[in-house]
Amino acid sequence: DNRPQLYKYCRIMNNVKPKQNNLSITASSKFQNHINKLS
């Protein structure tokens, strides 16, 4: 069950500074790909 890690990751992403939005979007897409592979 990856939900606790997912919640933690989402909290981290929600706290990212606006100037880092492009980086967070890239990281988010990579993280989503990782979750999809685990599914």
PDB file of N, CA and C in Angstrom:
ATOM      1  N   ASP A   1       0.850  -1.203   0.000  1.00  0.00           N
ATOM      2  CA  ASP A   1       0.000   0.000   0.000  1.00  0.00           C
ATOM      3  C   ASP A   1       0.879   1.243   0.000  1.00  0.00           C
ATOM      4  N   ASN A   2       0.806   2.033  -1.071  1.00  0.00           N
ATOM      5  CA  ASN A   2       1.677   3.208  -1.225  1.00  0.00           C
ATOM      6  C   ASN A   2       1.010   4.507  -0.802  1.00  0.00           C
ATOM      7  N   ARG A   3      -0.190   4.412  -0.237  1.00  0.00           N
ATOM      8  CA  ARG A   3      -0.923   5.646   0.046  1.00  0.00           C
ATOM      9  C   ARG A   3      -0.216   6.583   1.030  1.00  0.00           C
ATOM     10  N   PRO A   4       0.338   6.098   2.141  1.00  0.00           N
ATOM     11  CA  PRO A   4       1.025   7.036   3.048  1.00  0.00           C
ATOM     12  C   PRO A   4       2.143   7.795   2.346  1.00  0.00           C
ATOM     13  N   GLN A   5       2.910   7.098   1.506  1.00  0.00           N
ATOM     14  CA  GLN A   5       3.991   7.760   0.770  1.00  0.00           C
ATOM     15  C   GLN A   5       3.430   8.781  -0.209  1.00  0.00           C
ATOM     16  N   LEU A   6       2.308   8.436  -0.830  1.00  0.00           N
ATOM     17  CA  LEU A   6       1.685   9.343  -1.791  1.00  0.00           C
ATOM     18  C   LEU A   6       1.201  10.605  -1.095  1.00  0.00           C
ATOM     19  N   TYR A   7       0.575  10.436   0.080  1.00  0.00           N
ATOM     20  CA  TYR A   7       0.110  11.605   0.826  1.00  0.00           C
ATOM     21  C   TYR A   7       1.287  12.494   1.218  1.00  0.00           C
ATOM     22  N   LYS A   8       2.373  11.857   1.678  1.00  0.00           N
ATOM     23  CA  LYS A   8       3.555  12.621   2.077  1.00  0.00           C
ATOM     24  C   LYS A   8       4.098  13.398   0.882  1.00  0.00           C
ATOM     25  N   TYR A   9       4.171  12.728  -0.270  1.00  0.00           N
ATOM     26  CA  TYR A   9       4.681  13.363  -1.478  1.00  0.00           C
ATOM     27  C   TYR A   9       3.808  14.547  -1.873  1.00  0.00           C
ATOM     28  N   CYS A  10       2.490  14.368  -1.789  1.00  0.00           N
ATOM     29  CA  CYS A  10       1.575  15.451  -2.151  1.00  0.00           C
ATOM     30  C   CYS A  10       1.743  16.644  -1.221  1.00  0.00           C
ATOM     31  N   ARG A  11       1.954  16.386   0.058  1.00  0.00           N
ATOM     32  CA  ARG A  11       2.173  17.489   1.000  1.00  0.00           C
ATOM     33  C   ARG A  11       3.447  18.233   0.643  1.00  0.00           C
ATOM     34  N   ILE A  12       4.493  17.493   0.300  1.00  0.00           N
ATOM     35  CA  ILE A  12       5.753  18.131  -0.091  1.00  0.00           C
ATOM     36  C   ILE A  12       5.531  19.001  -1.323  1.00  0.00           C
ATOM     37  N   MET A  13       4.830  18.460  -2.323  1.00  0.00           N
ATOM     38  CA  MET A  13       4.590  19.207  -3.552  1.00  0.00           C
ATOM     39  C   MET A  13       3.746  20.449  -3.285  1.00  0.00           C
ATOM     40  N   ASN A  14       2.791  20.354  -2.356  1.00  0.00           N
ATOM     41  CA  ASN A  14       1.947  21.502  -2.044  1.00  0.00           C
ATOM     42  C   ASN A  14       2.741  22.603  -1.363  1.00  0.00           C
ATOM     43  N   ASN A  15       3.882  22.242  -0.765  1.00  0.00           N
ATOM     44  CA  ASN A  15       4.698  23.224  -0.062  1.00  0.00           C
ATOM     45  C   ASN A  15       5.813  23.809  -0.926  1.00  0.00           C
ATOM     46  N   VAL A  16       5.921  23.334  -2.166  1.00  0.00           N
ATOM     47  CA  VAL A  16       6.968  23.830  -3.061  1.00  0.00           C
ATOM     48  C   VAL A  16       6.704  25.295  -3.401  1.00  0.00           C
ATOM     49  N   LYS A  17       7.773  26.078  -3.430  1.00  0.00           N
ATOM     50  CA  LYS A  17       7.647  27.500  -3.767  1.00  0.00           C
ATOM     51  C   LYS A  17       7.214  27.665  -5.225  1.00  0.00           C
ATOM     52  N   PRO A  18       6.440  28.723  -5.534  1.00  0.00           N
ATOM     53  CA  PRO A  18       5.942  28.930  -6.901  1.00  0.00           C
ATOM     54  C   PRO A  18       7.037  28.918  -7.959  1.00  0.00           C
ATOM     55  N   LYS A  19       8.198  29.456  -7.649  1.00  0.00           N
ATOM     56  CA  LYS A  19       9.261  29.513  -8.659  1.00  0.00           C
ATOM     57  C   LYS A  19       9.776  28.124  -9.016  1.00  0.00           C
ATOM     58  N   GLN A  20       9.388  27.129  -8.234  1.00  0.00           N
ATOM     59  CA  GLN A  20       9.825  25.760  -8.491  1.00  0.00           C
ATOM     60  C   GLN A  20       8.715  24.921  -9.122  1.00  0.00           C
ATOM     61  N   ASN A  21       7.650  25.582  -9.578  1.00  0.00           N
ATOM     62  CA  ASN A  21       6.502  24.847 -10.111  1.00  0.00           C
ATOM     63  C   ASN A  21       6.878  23.929 -11.268  1.00  0.00           C
ATOM     64  N   ASN A  22       7.720  24.410 -12.183  1.00  0.00           N
ATOM     65  CA  ASN A  22       8.086  23.571 -13.323  1.00  0.00           C
ATOM     66  C   ASN A  22       8.802  22.315 -12.853  1.00  0.00           C
ATOM     67  N   LEU A  23       9.665  22.473 -11.846  1.00  0.00           N
ATOM     68  CA  LEU A  23      10.382  21.324 -11.301  1.00  0.00           C
ATOM     69  C   LEU A  23       9.406  20.358 -10.644  1.00  0.00           C
ATOM     70  N   SER A  24       8.442  20.899  -9.905  1.00  0.00           N
ATOM     71  CA  SER A  24       7.491  20.031  -9.206  1.00  0.00           C
ATOM     72  C   SER A  24       6.608  19.279 -10.194  1.00  0.00           C
ATOM     73  N   ILE A  25       6.254  19.926 -11.301  1.00  0.00           N
ATOM     74  CA  ILE A  25       5.440  19.259 -12.324  1.00  0.00           C
ATOM     75  C   ILE A  25       6.220  18.089 -12.927  1.00  0.00           C
ATOM     76  N   THR A  26       7.497  18.313 -13.203  1.00  0.00           N
ATOM     77  CA  THR A  26       8.335  17.245 -13.750  1.00  0.00           C
ATOM     78  C   THR A  26       8.462  16.105 -12.756  1.00  0.00           C
ATOM     79  N   ALA A  27       8.720  16.450 -11.498  1.00  0.00           N
ATOM     80  CA  ALA A  27       8.855  15.427 -10.465  1.00  0.00           C
ATOM     81  C   ALA A  27       7.544  14.676 -10.282  1.00  0.00           C
ATOM     82  N   SER A  28       6.439  15.405 -10.349  1.00  0.00           N
ATOM     83  CA  SER A  28       5.127  14.785 -10.168  1.00  0.00           C
ATOM     84  C   SER A  28       4.847  13.774 -11.269  1.00  0.00           C
ATOM     85  N   SER A  29       5.178  14.129 -12.510  1.00  0.00           N
ATOM     86  CA  SER A  29       4.922  13.214 -13.618  1.00  0.00           C
ATOM     87  C   SER A  29       5.796  11.970 -13.495  1.00  0.00           C
ATOM     88  N   LYS A  30       7.057  12.160 -13.071  1.00  0.00           N
ATOM     89  CA  LYS A  30       7.944  11.014 -12.883  1.00  0.00           C
ATOM     90  C   LYS A  30       7.430  10.125 -11.760  1.00  0.00           C
ATOM     91  N   PHE A  31       6.949  10.767 -10.678  1.00  0.00           N
ATOM     92  CA  PHE A  31       6.418  10.013  -9.548  1.00  0.00           C
ATOM     93  C   PHE A  31       5.180   9.237  -9.972  1.00  0.00           C
ATOM     94  N   GLN A  32       4.318   9.859 -10.766  1.00  0.00           N
ATOM     95  CA  GLN A  32       3.106   9.176 -11.226  1.00  0.00           C
ATOM     96  C   GLN A  32       3.470   7.981 -12.096  1.00  0.00           C
ATOM     97  N   ASN A  33       4.492   8.134 -12.935  1.00  0.00           N
ATOM     98  CA  ASN A  33       4.938   7.015 -13.764  1.00  0.00           C
ATOM     99  C   ASN A  33       5.420   5.870 -12.885  1.00  0.00           C
ATOM    100  N   HIS A  34       6.126   6.215 -11.801  1.00  0.00           N
ATOM    101  CA  HIS A  34       6.631   5.215 -10.870  1.00  0.00           C
ATOM    102  C   HIS A  34       5.469   4.470 -10.212  1.00  0.00           C
ATOM    103  N   ILE A  35       4.451   5.213  -9.773  1.00  0.00           N
ATOM    104  CA  ILE A  35       3.269   4.599  -9.157  1.00  0.00           C
ATOM    105  C   ILE A  35       2.573   3.673 -10.154  1.00  0.00           C
ATOM    106  N   ASN A  36       2.491   4.109 -11.405  1.00  0.00           N
ATOM    107  CA  ASN A  36       1.829   3.285 -12.421  1.00  0.00           C
ATOM    108  C   ASN A  36       2.568   1.967 -12.627  1.00  0.00           C
ATOM    109  N   LYS A  37       3.895   2.008 -12.557  1.00  0.00           N
ATOM    110  CA  LYS A  37       4.681   0.790 -12.725  1.00  0.00           C
ATOM    111  C   LYS A  37       4.451  -0.167 -11.558  1.00  0.00           C
ATOM    112  N   LEU A  38       4.235   0.391 -10.361  1.00  0.00           N
ATOM    113  CA  LEU A  38       4.007  -0.449  -9.181  1.00  0.00           C
ATOM    114  C   LEU A  38       2.612  -1.061  -9.179  1.00  0.00           C
ATOM    115  N   SER A  39       1.695  -0.421  -9.887  1.00  0.00           N
ATOM    116  CA  SER A  39       0.303  -0.885  -9.869  1.00  0.00           C
ATOM    117  C   SER A  39       0.148  -2.220 -10.610  1.00  0.00           C
TER     118      SER A  39
END
